């Protein structure tokens, strides 16, 4: 019988499948959300500090018919980079970002944008009470939701410096609530995910170094943070990184977190240049508190290493979830135009 501290052996691998590669989707610093059988992509940049248009791209998750539509809709958000989105009840929500002639954080007085893919329409949800505290405008923050009424916004880069705050927007009451700040340091390019009444935060860049080696956990009912630590050596756990992703996934009948890719060694050019990019995939067993690196098969090759991309989960009620990954910035400082599916 193995000792109690032996690491569980995972037979999970996954398979990379290329869904699409088209010049229209070349970009980084965009948002991507999966809603039912639709992949919704908005914003981003091809050239540094030059947001793409305000059109939204909608793709099918179906392998046999990955249709792609580009839609110009009235009342759309202004072009922006470094926003963050999440899904609630069949709609995508996003907050702030960076844009305009000065490429400054977009201050919309706490408004949250709502995209309905079934009606092909945008709505701007303004806070019901503008006298209540509001989150400052920002870019390169992270967002998640509880799938019911709560849209969470965390950290990122305001006009100067970085943040460690956590806010909740109730989409029904249209009300912001400020929650306890996450453990230091303040950071941008961090990742956050919701699973079973808790928020999980990891990675990011504090202005000097990439963050790693810890999973910070916010218990929503207890209104408090705790921290699980690990060795970020690329063997026992993923290396420190930023501008990556953290996704709640159901795999082999268990709730897990999945992180992949990202920037490990930042560029001296900041947002204008590429650093050392990663191409690894890791899953975190929430109940057992252990990491496993996956080595997916390659049906159509594998995605290039990248950061500054976006990804989301395709839920499967009867089996393993899948991951959609799109775009980003490669090590050659070129924006990428591909869309990949990681299936299990």
Protein backbone atom coordinates (compact mmCIF):
# COMPACT_ATOMS: atom_id res chain seq x y z
CA UNK A 1 0.00 0.00 0.00
CA UNK A 2 1.51 3.38 -0.98
CA UNK A 3 2.28 5.92 1.74
CA UNK A 4 -0.42 8.45 2.52
CA UNK A 5 1.57 11.27 0.98
CA UNK A 6 1.93 9.56 -2.40
CA UNK A 7 0.58 11.67 -5.27
CA UNK A 8 -2.45 10.18 -7.02
CA UNK A 9 -1.80 8.93 -10.52
CA UNK A 10 -3.93 10.55 -13.22
CA UNK A 11 -4.62 8.85 -16.53
CA UNK A 12 -6.31 11.99 -17.84
CA UNK A 13 -4.63 13.42 -20.96
CA UNK A 14 -7.01 15.31 -23.19
CA UNK A 15 -6.71 16.04 -26.91
CA UNK A 16 -6.06 19.33 -28.67
CA UNK A 17 -8.32 19.97 -31.68
CA UNK A 18 -8.02 23.07 -33.87
CA UNK A 19 -11.49 24.57 -34.38
CA UNK A 20 -10.67 27.56 -36.53
CA UNK A 21 -7.88 29.88 -37.68
CA UNK A 22 -8.92 33.11 -39.35
CA UNK A 23 -7.37 36.55 -39.74
CA UNK A 24 -10.50 38.20 -38.36
CA UNK A 25 -9.81 36.65 -34.96
CA UNK A 26 -6.14 37.67 -34.73
CA UNK A 27 -5.79 39.52 -31.43
CA UNK A 28 -4.71 39.49 -27.79
CA UNK A 29 -6.18 40.93 -24.57
CA UNK A 30 -9.73 40.05 -25.64
CA UNK A 31 -12.60 38.44 -23.75
CA UNK A 32 -14.12 35.06 -24.57
CA UNK A 33 -17.17 33.43 -23.01
CA UNK A 34 -18.97 30.19 -23.84
CA UNK A 35 -22.76 30.42 -23.71
CA UNK A 36 -24.58 27.16 -24.41
CA UNK A 37 -23.23 26.12 -27.84
CA UNK A 38 -21.82 29.54 -28.73
CA UNK A 39 -18.33 31.00 -28.29
CA UNK A 40 -18.50 34.80 -27.94
CA UNK A 41 -15.36 36.92 -28.52
CA UNK A 42 -15.11 40.68 -28.02
CA UNK A 43 -12.39 43.32 -27.94
CA UNK A 44 -8.63 42.97 -27.90
CA UNK A 45 -5.80 44.38 -30.00
CA UNK A 46 -3.69 43.42 -33.02
CA UNK A 47 -1.25 46.30 -32.66
CA UNK A 48 -0.23 47.48 -29.18
CA UNK A 49 -2.59 50.04 -27.67
CA UNK A 50 -4.93 49.99 -30.69
CA UNK A 51 -8.21 48.26 -29.80
CA UNK A 52 -10.00 46.36 -32.53
CA UNK A 53 -13.57 47.36 -33.40
CA UNK A 54 -16.76 47.02 -31.34
CA UNK A 55 -18.04 44.01 -33.31
CA UNK A 56 -18.63 40.69 -31.59
CA UNK A 57 -17.62 37.35 -33.08
CA UNK A 58 -19.79 34.30 -32.43
CA UNK A 59 -18.64 30.74 -33.16
CA UNK A 60 -20.28 27.37 -32.72
CA UNK A 61 -18.81 24.83 -30.32
CA UNK A 62 -19.83 22.03 -32.68
CA UNK A 63 -16.87 20.28 -34.29
CA UNK A 64 -18.83 19.38 -37.40
CA UNK A 65 -20.09 22.93 -37.95
CA UNK A 66 -17.82 25.56 -36.35
CA UNK A 67 -19.65 28.45 -38.03
CA UNK A 68 -18.29 31.96 -37.50
CA UNK A 69 -20.31 35.18 -37.59
CA UNK A 70 -19.07 38.74 -37.05
CA UNK A 71 -21.87 40.99 -35.83
CA UNK A 72 -22.12 44.79 -35.79
CA UNK A 73 -24.72 45.64 -33.17
CA UNK A 74 -26.17 48.90 -31.95
CA UNK A 75 -25.48 49.99 -28.38
CA UNK A 76 -22.27 47.94 -28.25
CA UNK A 77 -19.50 48.77 -25.76
CA UNK A 78 -16.70 50.97 -27.05
CA UNK A 79 -13.61 49.15 -28.39
CA UNK A 80 -11.37 48.03 -25.52
CA UNK A 81 -8.54 45.78 -24.43
CA UNK A 82 -7.89 44.03 -21.15
CA UNK A 83 -11.51 43.66 -20.10
CA UNK A 84 -12.85 40.55 -18.33
CA UNK A 85 -16.08 38.60 -18.76
CA UNK A 86 -18.20 35.87 -17.18
CA UNK A 87 -21.50 34.13 -17.92
CA UNK A 88 -24.77 34.14 -15.97
CA UNK A 89 -28.01 32.54 -17.19
CA UNK A 90 -27.13 32.51 -20.87
CA UNK A 91 -25.65 36.01 -21.05
CA UNK A 92 -22.11 37.40 -21.04
CA UNK A 93 -21.14 40.19 -18.65
CA UNK A 94 -18.05 42.39 -18.84
CA UNK A 95 -16.65 45.35 -16.92
CA UNK A 96 -14.32 48.18 -17.92
CA UNK A 97 -11.05 47.63 -19.80
CA UNK A 98 -8.72 50.11 -21.46
CA UNK A 99 -9.45 52.24 -24.54
CA UNK A 100 -10.15 55.67 -25.97
CA UNK A 101 -7.65 58.09 -27.45
CA UNK A 102 -5.57 58.03 -24.27
CA UNK A 103 -5.82 54.25 -23.83
CA UNK A 104 -6.92 54.88 -20.25
CA UNK A 105 -9.10 52.68 -18.03
CA UNK A 106 -12.67 53.06 -19.30
CA UNK A 107 -14.73 54.69 -16.54
CA UNK A 108 -18.43 54.04 -17.11
CA UNK A 109 -19.57 54.90 -13.57
CA UNK A 110 -19.74 51.27 -12.49
CA UNK A 111 -21.75 50.06 -15.50
CA UNK A 112 -21.62 46.40 -16.50
CA UNK A 113 -22.22 45.33 -20.10
CA UNK A 114 -24.56 42.44 -20.87
CA UNK A 115 -24.52 40.52 -24.16
CA UNK A 116 -27.44 38.26 -25.08
CA UNK A 117 -26.33 35.93 -27.90
CA UNK A 118 -29.84 34.64 -28.53
CA UNK A 119 -31.23 38.13 -29.14
CA UNK A 120 -27.92 39.41 -30.57
CA UNK A 121 -28.16 42.49 -28.36
CA UNK A 122 -26.13 44.51 -25.87
CA UNK A 123 -27.44 46.22 -22.74
CA UNK A 124 -25.64 48.59 -20.39
CA UNK A 125 -26.51 47.81 -16.77
CA UNK A 126 -25.97 50.94 -14.71
CA UNK A 127 -25.89 50.69 -10.90
CA UNK A 128 -29.32 51.36 -9.41
CA UNK A 129 -27.83 53.63 -6.72
CA UNK A 130 -24.94 55.71 -8.00
CA UNK A 131 -24.23 57.00 -4.48
CA UNK A 132 -22.96 53.60 -3.35
CA UNK A 133 -19.24 52.78 -3.62
CA UNK A 134 -18.22 51.62 -7.09
CA UNK A 135 -15.18 49.70 -8.32
CA UNK A 136 -12.60 51.91 -10.03
CA UNK A 137 -12.11 51.52 -13.76
CA UNK A 138 -9.32 49.11 -14.66
CA UNK A 139 -7.78 46.77 -17.20
CA UNK A 140 -6.18 43.33 -17.06
CA UNK A 141 -8.43 42.36 -14.17
CA UNK A 142 -10.24 39.04 -13.80
CA UNK A 143 -13.90 38.10 -13.53
CA UNK A 144 -16.05 35.12 -12.67
CA UNK A 145 -19.63 34.44 -11.58
CA UNK A 146 -21.68 32.12 -9.41
CA UNK A 147 -23.85 31.33 -12.43
CA UNK A 148 -26.91 32.80 -10.70
CA UNK A 149 -26.86 36.54 -9.93
CA UNK A 150 -23.33 37.44 -8.81
CA UNK A 151 -20.68 38.82 -11.19
CA UNK A 152 -17.27 39.17 -9.52
CA UNK A 153 -14.47 41.58 -10.49
CA UNK A 154 -10.98 41.28 -9.04
CA UNK A 155 -7.65 43.17 -9.12
CA UNK A 156 -6.13 44.60 -12.31
CA UNK A 157 -4.53 47.89 -13.33
CA UNK A 158 -6.21 51.27 -12.68
CA UNK A 159 -4.72 54.51 -14.03
CA UNK A 160 -1.62 53.91 -11.89
CA UNK A 161 -0.40 50.87 -9.97
CA UNK A 162 -2.31 47.64 -9.38
CA UNK A 163 -5.22 46.44 -7.26
CA UNK A 164 -6.11 43.56 -4.94
CA UNK A 165 -9.78 44.42 -4.42
CA UNK A 166 -12.79 42.14 -4.89
CA UNK A 167 -16.25 43.35 -5.91
CA UNK A 168 -19.61 41.67 -6.51
CA UNK A 169 -22.25 43.03 -8.88
CA UNK A 170 -25.78 41.69 -8.42
CA UNK A 171 -27.20 41.65 -11.95
CA UNK A 172 -30.81 41.62 -10.68
CA UNK A 173 -30.51 44.39 -8.08
CA UNK A 174 -27.83 46.18 -10.14
CA UNK A 175 -25.86 46.78 -6.98
CA UNK A 176 -22.13 46.68 -6.27
CA UNK A 177 -20.76 45.31 -2.99
CA UNK A 178 -17.11 45.52 -1.97
CA UNK A 179 -15.75 42.31 -0.44
CA UNK A 180 -12.54 41.75 1.56
CA UNK A 181 -9.34 42.34 -0.39
CA UNK A 182 -7.35 39.34 -1.56
CA UNK A 183 -3.95 38.50 -0.06
CA UNK A 184 -1.10 40.72 -1.22
CA UNK A 185 0.62 41.64 -3.44
CA UNK A 186 -1.59 43.75 -5.64
CA UNK A 187 -1.47 42.47 -9.20
CA UNK A 188 -2.71 42.54 -12.77
CA UNK A 189 -3.08 39.62 -15.13
CA UNK A 190 -4.33 37.37 -12.34
CA UNK A 191 -6.93 34.60 -12.68
CA UNK A 192 -10.04 33.83 -10.65
CA UNK A 193 -12.65 31.04 -10.78
CA UNK A 194 -15.83 30.10 -8.90
CA UNK A 195 -16.55 26.57 -7.74
CA UNK A 196 -19.08 25.39 -5.15
CA UNK A 197 -19.45 28.61 -3.20
CA UNK A 198 -15.79 29.60 -3.25
CA UNK A 199 -13.56 31.81 -5.37
CA UNK A 200 -10.08 30.59 -6.29
CA UNK A 201 -7.39 33.12 -7.22
CA UNK A 202 -3.84 32.53 -8.42
CA UNK A 203 -0.99 33.92 -10.52
CA UNK A 204 -0.57 37.48 -11.81
CA UNK A 205 2.15 40.15 -12.05
CA UNK A 206 2.86 42.61 -9.24
CA UNK A 207 4.96 45.02 -11.31
CA UNK A 208 8.21 43.21 -10.53
CA UNK A 209 7.70 39.46 -10.54
CA UNK A 210 5.22 36.84 -11.71
CA UNK A 211 3.22 35.35 -8.85
CA UNK A 212 2.92 31.62 -8.15
CA UNK A 213 3.03 28.93 -5.51
CA UNK A 214 -0.33 29.65 -3.93
CA UNK A 215 -4.06 29.27 -4.47
CA UNK A 216 -5.97 31.93 -2.55
CA UNK A 217 -9.49 30.84 -1.61
CA UNK A 218 -12.38 33.18 -0.80
CA UNK A 219 -15.22 31.48 1.07
CA UNK A 220 -18.28 33.46 0.00
CA UNK A 221 -20.48 32.48 2.95
CA UNK A 222 -17.72 33.09 5.51
CA UNK A 223 -16.61 36.29 3.73
CA UNK A 224 -12.96 35.43 4.30
CA UNK A 225 -9.76 34.42 2.47
CA UNK A 226 -7.41 31.50 3.09
CA UNK A 227 -4.38 30.25 1.18
CA UNK A 228 -3.15 26.87 -0.04
CA UNK A 229 0.52 26.76 -1.01
CA UNK A 230 2.52 24.54 -3.35
CA UNK A 231 5.97 24.34 -4.91
CA UNK A 232 5.84 26.20 -8.26
CA UNK A 233 8.75 24.28 -9.75
CA UNK A 234 6.98 22.89 -12.80
CA UNK A 235 7.02 19.42 -11.24
CA UNK A 236 4.97 19.55 -8.05
CA UNK A 237 2.93 22.45 -9.36
CA UNK A 238 2.73 25.00 -12.19
CA UNK A 239 5.40 27.67 -12.51
CA UNK A 240 4.63 31.26 -11.61
CA UNK A 241 2.89 33.10 -14.45
CA UNK A 242 0.44 35.82 -15.42
CA UNK A 243 -2.03 36.62 -18.21
CA UNK A 244 -3.15 32.98 -18.29
CA UNK A 245 -6.43 31.41 -17.15
CA UNK A 246 -8.02 29.49 -14.29
CA UNK A 247 -11.16 27.53 -15.10
CA UNK A 248 -13.55 25.41 -12.98
CA UNK A 249 -13.90 22.05 -14.69
CA UNK A 250 -15.68 18.78 -14.00
CA UNK A 251 -13.36 15.91 -14.92
CA UNK A 252 -13.64 12.22 -14.06
CA UNK A 253 -16.58 12.99 -11.78
CA UNK A 254 -14.70 15.53 -9.64
CA UNK A 255 -14.54 19.30 -9.43
CA UNK A 256 -11.13 20.58 -10.48
CA UNK A 257 -9.41 23.78 -11.53
CA UNK A 258 -7.48 23.97 -14.78
CA UNK A 259 -4.74 26.49 -15.57
CA UNK A 260 -2.75 26.66 -18.75
CA UNK A 261 -0.20 28.70 -20.70
CA UNK A 262 0.61 32.31 -19.73
CA UNK A 263 3.67 34.53 -19.45
CA UNK A 264 6.44 33.30 -17.16
CA UNK A 265 9.11 35.96 -17.65
CA UNK A 266 7.68 39.38 -18.54
CA UNK A 267 9.00 41.55 -21.34
CA UNK A 268 10.77 44.83 -20.59
CA UNK A 269 8.33 46.34 -23.09
CA UNK A 270 5.35 45.58 -20.86
CA UNK A 271 2.08 45.40 -22.81
CA UNK A 272 3.97 46.24 -26.03
CA UNK A 273 6.16 43.14 -26.10
CA UNK A 274 6.23 39.41 -25.46
CA UNK A 275 8.12 37.65 -22.68
CA UNK A 276 8.72 33.96 -22.07
CA UNK A 277 5.47 32.14 -22.82
CA UNK A 278 4.36 28.76 -21.50
CA UNK A 279 2.46 25.92 -23.18
CA UNK A 280 1.72 23.61 -20.24
CA UNK A 281 -1.63 22.41 -18.89
CA UNK A 282 -2.28 21.67 -15.19
CA UNK A 283 -5.28 20.47 -13.20
CA UNK A 284 -5.79 21.06 -9.49
CA UNK A 285 -7.85 18.60 -7.47
CA UNK A 286 -9.76 20.88 -5.11
CA UNK A 287 -10.67 18.26 -2.51
CA UNK A 288 -7.24 16.60 -2.44
CA UNK A 289 -5.17 19.80 -2.86
CA UNK A 290 -2.76 18.43 -5.46
CA UNK A 291 -1.60 19.37 -8.96
CA UNK A 292 -1.10 17.18 -12.02
CA UNK A 293 0.42 18.27 -15.32
CA UNK A 294 -1.44 17.00 -18.37
CA UNK A 295 0.17 16.07 -21.67
CA UNK A 296 -2.66 16.23 -24.22
CA UNK A 297 -2.56 14.35 -27.50
CA UNK A 298 -2.27 16.38 -30.67
CA UNK A 299 -4.90 15.70 -33.31
CA UNK A 300 -4.13 18.86 -35.32
CA UNK A 301 -0.84 19.88 -33.74
CA UNK A 302 -0.73 21.84 -30.50
CA UNK A 303 -1.30 25.52 -29.72
CA UNK A 304 1.78 27.73 -29.66
CA UNK A 305 2.94 28.99 -26.25
CA UNK A 306 1.13 32.22 -25.41
CA UNK A 307 -0.14 34.70 -22.88
CA UNK A 308 -2.71 37.51 -23.04
CA UNK A 309 -5.30 35.07 -24.49
CA UNK A 310 -8.70 34.04 -23.18
CA UNK A 311 -10.40 30.71 -22.58
CA UNK A 312 -13.58 29.26 -21.14
CA UNK A 313 -15.29 25.96 -20.31
CA UNK A 314 -17.78 24.00 -22.40
CA UNK A 315 -19.91 22.22 -19.81
CA UNK A 316 -20.89 18.59 -20.36
CA UNK A 317 -23.64 17.38 -18.05
CA UNK A 318 -22.99 13.73 -18.87
CA UNK A 319 -19.20 13.60 -18.93
CA UNK A 320 -15.99 15.60 -18.90
CA UNK A 321 -15.97 19.33 -19.60
CA UNK A 322 -13.93 20.77 -22.49
CA UNK A 323 -11.85 23.95 -22.80
CA UNK A 324 -11.91 26.56 -25.58
CA UNK A 325 -8.77 28.68 -26.05
CA UNK A 326 -8.39 31.61 -28.43
CA UNK A 327 -5.74 34.02 -29.63
CA UNK A 328 -3.20 35.76 -27.45
CA UNK A 329 0.39 36.92 -27.83
CA UNK A 330 3.09 34.47 -28.92
CA UNK A 331 6.77 34.56 -28.05
CA UNK A 332 7.53 36.13 -31.43
CA UNK A 333 5.44 39.13 -30.36
CA UNK A 334 2.78 38.27 -32.94
CA UNK A 335 -0.91 38.17 -32.10
CA UNK A 336 -2.48 34.77 -32.73
CA UNK A 337 -5.65 34.02 -34.70
CA UNK A 338 -6.43 30.41 -33.79
CA UNK A 339 -9.22 28.78 -31.78
CA UNK A 340 -8.56 25.43 -30.07
CA UNK A 341 -10.63 22.86 -28.21
CA UNK A 342 -9.09 20.79 -25.41
CA UNK A 343 -11.40 17.80 -25.06
CA UNK A 344 -11.30 15.01 -22.46
